[in-house]
Amino acid sequence: MSEPGEALRLDKWLWYARFYKTRSLATKLVRGGRLRLNKQAIDKPHAQVRIGDVLTSPQGHRVRVVKIAALASRRGPAPEAQALYDDLSPPPAPRAPGRRAPGTGRPTKRERRELESFREP
């Protein structure tokens, strides 16, 4: 870990914290301009991050907000990576009844009947 005055490249930190599988994927996301650092849109992978900075990024269908808690010097195991940030993301919105999660495939016969009984008066 490091001291509070130090800084680290944004793409390296995202890779160390295991947000992305490769550093080039992290660089690609940052260059896409969809990431915010302390409420400022960032499109440079060499932007410096410090302890206490807040990152906002899209992840799937939700927005992820994290506060940088530490800087790393290597890409370690997952528990070590999770110690690098505090997750401030709002909880996901509850699903409406009768709605299936995307990617779960076709409903079974039992699930289809439950959906039909819910929809019909």
N, C-alpha and C. Protein backbone atom coordinates (compact mmCIF):
# COMPACT_ATOMS: atom_id res chain seq x y z
N MET A 1 0.84 -1.17 0.00
CA MET A 1 0.00 0.00 0.00
C MET A 1 0.90 1.24 0.00
N SER A 2 0.32 2.41 0.04
CA SER A 2 1.13 3.60 -0.10
C SER A 2 0.68 4.71 0.86
N GLU A 3 1.39 5.82 0.79
CA GLU A 3 1.10 6.95 1.66
C GLU A 3 0.08 7.88 1.02
N PRO A 4 -0.61 8.73 1.83
CA PRO A 4 -1.69 9.57 1.31
C PRO A 4 -1.27 10.56 0.22
N GLY A 5 -0.05 11.05 0.20
CA GLY A 5 0.36 12.04 -0.79
C GLY A 5 0.69 11.46 -2.15
N GLU A 6 0.84 10.16 -2.24
CA GLU A 6 1.24 9.52 -3.49
C GLU A 6 0.08 9.44 -4.47
N ALA A 7 0.40 9.25 -5.74
CA ALA A 7 -0.61 9.12 -6.79
C ALA A 7 -0.25 7.94 -7.67
N LEU A 8 -1.25 7.47 -8.44
CA LEU A 8 -1.08 6.32 -9.31
C LEU A 8 -1.92 6.55 -10.56
N ARG A 9 -1.45 6.04 -11.69
CA ARG A 9 -2.22 6.15 -12.93
C ARG A 9 -3.59 5.49 -12.76
N LEU A 10 -4.60 6.10 -13.33
CA LEU A 10 -5.97 5.61 -13.21
C LEU A 10 -6.12 4.21 -13.81
N ASP A 11 -5.59 3.99 -15.00
CA ASP A 11 -5.75 2.67 -15.62
C ASP A 11 -5.05 1.57 -14.81
N LYS A 12 -3.91 1.89 -14.22
CA LYS A 12 -3.21 0.92 -13.38
C LYS A 12 -4.04 0.60 -12.13
N TRP A 13 -4.61 1.64 -11.52
CA TRP A 13 -5.40 1.42 -10.30
C TRP A 13 -6.62 0.56 -10.61
N LEU A 14 -7.31 0.82 -11.71
CA LEU A 14 -8.47 0.01 -12.08
C LEU A 14 -8.08 -1.44 -12.30
N TRP A 15 -6.91 -1.66 -12.87
CA TRP A 15 -6.43 -3.02 -13.09
C TRP A 15 -6.02 -3.67 -11.77
N TYR A 16 -5.29 -2.95 -10.93
CA TYR A 16 -4.89 -3.48 -9.62
C TYR A 16 -6.10 -3.84 -8.77
N ALA A 17 -7.15 -3.00 -8.83
CA ALA A 17 -8.35 -3.23 -8.03
C ALA A 17 -9.27 -4.29 -8.64
N ARG A 18 -8.85 -4.86 -9.76
CA ARG A 18 -9.56 -5.96 -10.43
C ARG A 18 -10.94 -5.56 -10.94
N PHE A 19 -11.07 -4.31 -11.38
CA PHE A 19 -12.30 -3.90 -12.05
C PHE A 19 -12.30 -4.42 -13.48
N TYR A 20 -11.11 -4.59 -14.06
CA TYR A 20 -10.97 -5.07 -15.43
C TYR A 20 -9.89 -6.14 -15.48
N LYS A 21 -10.08 -7.09 -16.39
CA LYS A 21 -9.19 -8.24 -16.48
C LYS A 21 -7.80 -7.86 -16.98
N THR A 22 -7.74 -6.88 -17.88
CA THR A 22 -6.45 -6.44 -18.40
C THR A 22 -6.33 -4.93 -18.29
N ARG A 23 -5.12 -4.46 -18.31
CA ARG A 23 -4.89 -3.02 -18.23
C ARG A 23 -5.36 -2.33 -19.51
N SER A 24 -5.26 -3.03 -20.64
CA SER A 24 -5.71 -2.43 -21.90
C SER A 24 -7.23 -2.24 -21.90
N LEU A 25 -7.99 -3.13 -21.26
CA LEU A 25 -9.44 -2.93 -21.14
C LEU A 25 -9.74 -1.71 -20.27
N ALA A 26 -8.99 -1.54 -19.20
CA ALA A 26 -9.17 -0.37 -18.34
C ALA A 26 -8.86 0.91 -19.11
N THR A 27 -7.79 0.88 -19.91
CA THR A 27 -7.42 2.04 -20.72
C THR A 27 -8.51 2.36 -21.73
N LYS A 28 -9.08 1.33 -22.34
CA LYS A 28 -10.13 1.52 -23.33
C LYS A 28 -11.36 2.18 -22.70
N LEU A 29 -11.76 1.75 -21.51
CA LEU A 29 -12.91 2.34 -20.84
C LEU A 29 -12.66 3.81 -20.51
N VAL A 30 -11.47 4.11 -20.00
CA VAL A 30 -11.15 5.48 -19.63
C VAL A 30 -11.15 6.37 -20.87
N ARG A 31 -10.56 5.89 -21.97
CA ARG A 31 -10.53 6.68 -23.20
C ARG A 31 -11.93 6.89 -23.78
N GLY A 32 -12.86 6.02 -23.46
CA GLY A 32 -14.24 6.16 -23.92
C GLY A 32 -14.96 7.33 -23.26
N GLY A 33 -14.38 7.91 -22.21
CA GLY A 33 -14.96 9.07 -21.57
C GLY A 33 -16.17 8.79 -20.71
N ARG A 34 -16.36 7.53 -20.31
CA ARG A 34 -17.53 7.19 -19.52
C ARG A 34 -17.23 7.13 -18.03
N LEU A 35 -16.02 7.46 -17.64
CA LEU A 35 -15.60 7.39 -16.24
C LEU A 35 -15.50 8.80 -15.67
N ARG A 36 -15.86 8.97 -14.40
CA ARG A 36 -15.75 10.27 -13.74
C ARG A 36 -14.86 10.13 -12.52
N LEU A 37 -14.00 11.10 -12.35
CA LEU A 37 -13.11 11.16 -11.20
C LEU A 37 -13.43 12.45 -10.46
N ASN A 38 -13.95 12.33 -9.26
CA ASN A 38 -14.38 13.49 -8.46
C ASN A 38 -15.33 14.38 -9.26
N LYS A 39 -16.33 13.76 -9.90
CA LYS A 39 -17.38 14.42 -10.67
C LYS A 39 -16.90 15.06 -11.97
N GLN A 40 -15.66 14.85 -12.36
CA GLN A 40 -15.12 15.38 -13.60
C GLN A 40 -14.96 14.22 -14.59
N ALA A 41 -15.46 14.41 -15.80
CA ALA A 41 -15.29 13.37 -16.83
C ALA A 41 -13.81 13.24 -17.16
N ILE A 42 -13.34 12.01 -17.24
CA ILE A 42 -11.93 11.73 -17.49
C ILE A 42 -11.83 10.91 -18.77
N ASP A 43 -10.90 11.30 -19.67
CA ASP A 43 -10.67 10.50 -20.87
C ASP A 43 -9.19 10.21 -21.08
N LYS A 44 -8.39 10.46 -20.06
CA LYS A 44 -6.95 10.20 -20.14
C LYS A 44 -6.58 9.09 -19.15
N PRO A 45 -6.06 7.97 -19.64
CA PRO A 45 -5.70 6.87 -18.74
C PRO A 45 -4.56 7.22 -17.79
N HIS A 46 -3.79 8.25 -18.11
CA HIS A 46 -2.67 8.62 -17.24
C HIS A 46 -3.08 9.60 -16.14
N ALA A 47 -4.39 9.87 -16.01
CA ALA A 47 -4.86 10.74 -14.92
C ALA A 47 -4.42 10.14 -13.58
N GLN A 48 -4.02 10.98 -12.66
CA GLN A 48 -3.52 10.52 -11.37
C GLN A 48 -4.65 10.41 -10.36
N VAL A 49 -4.69 9.29 -9.65
CA VAL A 49 -5.68 9.10 -8.59
C VAL A 49 -4.95 9.07 -7.25
N ARG A 50 -5.64 9.58 -6.25
CA ARG A 50 -5.08 9.63 -4.90
C ARG A 50 -6.08 9.03 -3.92
N ILE A 51 -5.62 8.73 -2.74
CA ILE A 51 -6.51 8.21 -1.70
C ILE A 51 -7.56 9.27 -1.39
N GLY A 52 -8.82 8.85 -1.32
CA GLY A 52 -9.92 9.75 -1.05
C GLY A 52 -10.68 10.18 -2.29
N ASP A 53 -10.13 9.95 -3.49
CA ASP A 53 -10.82 10.29 -4.73
C ASP A 53 -12.03 9.37 -4.91
N VAL A 54 -13.05 9.88 -5.61
CA VAL A 54 -14.26 9.11 -5.87
C VAL A 54 -14.37 8.84 -7.36
N LEU A 55 -14.52 7.57 -7.73
CA LEU A 55 -14.67 7.14 -9.12
C LEU A 55 -16.10 6.72 -9.37
N THR A 56 -16.67 7.17 -10.48
CA THR A 56 -18.01 6.78 -10.90
C THR A 56 -17.90 6.19 -12.29
N SER A 57 -18.40 4.96 -12.45
CA SER A 57 -18.30 4.32 -13.76
C SER A 57 -19.52 3.43 -13.99
N PRO A 58 -19.91 3.28 -15.27
CA PRO A 58 -21.00 2.35 -15.58
C PRO A 58 -20.48 0.92 -15.52
N GLN A 59 -21.33 0.04 -15.04
CA GLN A 59 -20.96 -1.37 -15.01
C GLN A 59 -22.23 -2.18 -15.29
N GLY A 60 -22.37 -2.59 -16.52
CA GLY A 60 -23.60 -3.29 -16.92
C GLY A 60 -24.75 -2.30 -16.98
N HIS A 61 -25.83 -2.60 -16.28
CA HIS A 61 -27.00 -1.73 -16.26
C HIS A 61 -27.04 -0.83 -15.03
N ARG A 62 -25.97 -0.74 -14.29
CA ARG A 62 -25.96 0.09 -13.08
C ARG A 62 -24.72 0.98 -13.06
N VAL A 63 -24.73 1.92 -12.15
CA VAL A 63 -23.61 2.84 -11.99
C VAL A 63 -22.87 2.45 -10.72
N ARG A 64 -21.57 2.35 -10.83
CA ARG A 64 -20.75 1.96 -9.68
C ARG A 64 -19.98 3.17 -9.17
N VAL A 65 -20.08 3.43 -7.87
CA VAL A 65 -19.39 4.54 -7.23
C VAL A 65 -18.47 3.97 -6.16
N VAL A 66 -17.18 4.26 -6.27
CA VAL A 66 -16.21 3.77 -5.29
C VAL A 66 -15.31 4.91 -4.83
N LYS A 67 -14.91 4.81 -3.57
CA LYS A 67 -13.97 5.77 -3.00
C LYS A 67 -12.64 5.05 -2.83
N ILE A 68 -11.58 5.65 -3.33
CA ILE A 68 -10.26 5.02 -3.26
C ILE A 68 -9.76 5.06 -1.83
N ALA A 69 -9.52 3.88 -1.27
CA ALA A 69 -9.06 3.76 0.11
C ALA A 69 -7.55 3.56 0.20
N ALA A 70 -6.94 3.00 -0.84
CA ALA A 70 -5.51 2.74 -0.83
C ALA A 70 -5.00 2.61 -2.26
N LEU A 71 -3.70 2.78 -2.40
CA LEU A 71 -3.03 2.57 -3.68
C LEU A 71 -2.18 1.32 -3.55
N ALA A 72 -2.09 0.56 -4.61
CA ALA A 72 -1.33 -0.69 -4.56
C ALA A 72 -0.06 -0.57 -5.38
N SER A 73 0.84 -1.51 -5.17
CA SER A 73 2.07 -1.56 -5.96
C SER A 73 2.10 -2.78 -6.87
N ARG A 74 1.04 -3.64 -6.76
CA ARG A 74 0.96 -4.82 -7.60
C ARG A 74 -0.49 -5.25 -7.70
N ARG A 75 -0.76 -6.15 -8.64
CA ARG A 75 -2.09 -6.71 -8.79
C ARG A 75 -2.13 -8.01 -8.01
N GLY A 76 -2.67 -7.95 -6.82
CA GLY A 76 -2.68 -9.11 -5.94
C GLY A 76 -3.98 -9.88 -6.00
N PRO A 77 -4.20 -10.75 -5.02
CA PRO A 77 -5.43 -11.55 -4.99
C PRO A 77 -6.66 -10.68 -4.73
N ALA A 78 -7.83 -11.26 -4.96
CA ALA A 78 -9.09 -10.52 -4.85
C ALA A 78 -9.30 -9.86 -3.48
N PRO A 79 -9.05 -10.55 -2.35
CA PRO A 79 -9.24 -9.87 -1.06
C PRO A 79 -8.35 -8.63 -0.89
N GLU A 80 -7.15 -8.71 -1.43
CA GLU A 80 -6.24 -7.56 -1.38
C GLU A 80 -6.77 -6.43 -2.27
N ALA A 81 -7.33 -6.78 -3.42
CA ALA A 81 -7.88 -5.78 -4.34
C ALA A 81 -9.11 -5.11 -3.75
N GLN A 82 -9.95 -5.85 -3.04
CA GLN A 82 -11.15 -5.27 -2.44
C GLN A 82 -10.82 -4.30 -1.32
N ALA A 83 -9.63 -4.40 -0.75
CA ALA A 83 -9.22 -3.47 0.30
C ALA A 83 -8.78 -2.12 -0.27
N LEU A 84 -8.68 -2.02 -1.59
CA LEU A 84 -8.23 -0.78 -2.22
C LEU A 84 -9.34 0.26 -2.33
N TYR A 85 -10.60 -0.13 -2.14
CA TYR A 85 -11.71 0.81 -2.33
C TYR A 85 -12.86 0.52 -1.37
N ASP A 86 -13.70 1.56 -1.18
CA ASP A 86 -14.95 1.43 -0.44
C ASP A 86 -16.08 1.61 -1.45
N ASP A 87 -16.99 0.66 -1.50
CA ASP A 87 -18.08 0.72 -2.47
C ASP A 87 -19.19 1.62 -1.93
N LEU A 88 -19.49 2.71 -2.64
CA LEU A 88 -20.53 3.66 -2.26
C LEU A 88 -21.74 3.56 -3.17
N SER A 89 -21.79 2.54 -4.01
CA SER A 89 -22.85 2.40 -4.99
C SER A 89 -24.20 2.26 -4.31
N PRO A 90 -25.25 2.89 -4.90
CA PRO A 90 -26.58 2.69 -4.35
C PRO A 90 -27.02 1.25 -4.60
N PRO A 91 -27.87 0.70 -3.74
CA PRO A 91 -28.33 -0.67 -3.97
C PRO A 91 -29.14 -0.75 -5.26
N PRO A 92 -29.11 -1.90 -5.92
CA PRO A 92 -29.87 -2.02 -7.17
C PRO A 92 -31.36 -1.87 -6.91
N ALA A 93 -32.07 -1.32 -7.88
CA ALA A 93 -33.52 -1.13 -7.76
C ALA A 93 -34.20 -2.49 -7.73
N PRO A 94 -35.25 -2.63 -6.91
CA PRO A 94 -35.94 -3.93 -6.89
C PRO A 94 -36.65 -4.19 -8.20
N ARG A 95 -36.69 -5.44 -8.58
CA ARG A 95 -37.34 -5.82 -9.83
C ARG A 95 -38.85 -5.83 -9.64
N ALA A 96 -39.58 -5.45 -10.66
CA ALA A 96 -41.03 -5.50 -10.63
C ALA A 96 -41.46 -6.96 -10.62
N PRO A 97 -42.53 -7.28 -9.89
CA PRO A 97 -42.98 -8.67 -9.90
C PRO A 97 -43.41 -9.09 -11.30
N GLY A 98 -43.12 -10.30 -11.64
CA GLY A 98 -43.48 -10.80 -12.96
C GLY A 98 -42.42 -10.52 -14.01
N ARG A 99 -41.34 -9.86 -13.65
CA ARG A 99 -40.25 -9.57 -14.59
C ARG A 99 -39.11 -10.56 -14.35
N ARG A 100 -38.58 -11.10 -15.40
CA ARG A 100 -37.47 -12.03 -15.28
C ARG A 100 -36.16 -11.30 -15.49
N ALA A 101 -35.14 -11.79 -14.85
CA ALA A 101 -33.81 -11.20 -15.02
C ALA A 101 -33.31 -11.50 -16.42
N PRO A 102 -32.64 -10.53 -17.06
CA PRO A 102 -32.13 -10.79 -18.41
C PRO A 102 -31.08 -11.89 -18.39
N GLY A 103 -31.12 -12.72 -19.41
CA GLY A 103 -30.12 -13.78 -19.53
C GLY A 103 -30.47 -15.05 -18.80
N THR A 104 -31.67 -15.15 -18.24
CA THR A 104 -32.04 -16.36 -17.49
C THR A 104 -32.71 -17.41 -18.37
N GLY A 105 -32.87 -17.11 -19.65
CA GLY A 105 -33.45 -18.09 -20.56
C GLY A 105 -34.97 -18.09 -20.53
N ARG A 106 -35.53 -19.07 -21.19
CA ARG A 106 -36.99 -19.18 -21.24
C ARG A 106 -37.53 -19.65 -19.90
N PRO A 107 -38.74 -19.20 -19.55
CA PRO A 107 -39.32 -19.67 -18.29
C PRO A 107 -39.74 -21.14 -18.40
N THR A 108 -39.69 -21.82 -17.27
CA THR A 108 -40.17 -23.20 -17.24
C THR A 108 -41.69 -23.17 -17.25
N LYS A 109 -42.28 -24.33 -17.36
CA LYS A 109 -43.74 -24.40 -17.40
C LYS A 109 -44.33 -23.85 -16.10
N ARG A 110 -43.73 -24.18 -14.99
CA ARG A 110 -44.22 -23.69 -13.70
C ARG A 110 -44.09 -22.17 -13.62
N GLU A 111 -42.93 -21.64 -14.02
CA GLU A 111 -42.73 -20.19 -13.99
C GLU A 111 -43.70 -19.48 -14.93
N ARG A 112 -43.96 -20.06 -16.10
CA ARG A 112 -44.89 -19.45 -17.05
C ARG A 112 -46.28 -19.39 -16.46
N ARG A 113 -46.71 -20.45 -15.80
CA ARG A 113 -48.04 -20.45 -15.18
C ARG A 113 -48.13 -19.43 -14.06
N GLU A 114 -47.06 -19.28 -13.29
CA GLU A 114 -47.06 -18.26 -12.23
C GLU A 114 -47.16 -16.86 -12.83
N LEU A 115 -46.44 -16.62 -13.93
CA LEU A 115 -46.52 -15.33 -14.60
C LEU A 115 -47.92 -15.07 -15.15
N GLU A 116 -48.52 -16.10 -15.75
CA GLU A 116 -49.87 -15.94 -16.29
C GLU A 116 -50.89 -15.68 -15.20
N SER A 117 -50.77 -16.35 -14.07
CA SER A 117 -51.72 -16.13 -12.97
C SER A 117 -51.54 -14.73 -12.38
N PHE A 118 -50.35 -14.21 -12.44
CA PHE A 118 -50.11 -12.87 -11.92
C PHE A 118 -50.71 -11.82 -12.85
N ARG A 119 -50.59 -12.04 -14.15
CA ARG A 119 -51.02 -11.06 -15.15
C ARG A 119 -52.54 -11.07 -15.35
N GLU A 120 -53.18 -12.21 -15.24
CA GLU A 120 -54.62 -12.29 -15.49
C GLU A 120 -55.39 -11.95 -14.22
N PRO A 121 -56.55 -11.27 -14.37
CA PRO A 121 -57.35 -10.91 -13.18
C PRO A 121 -58.04 -12.08 -12.55
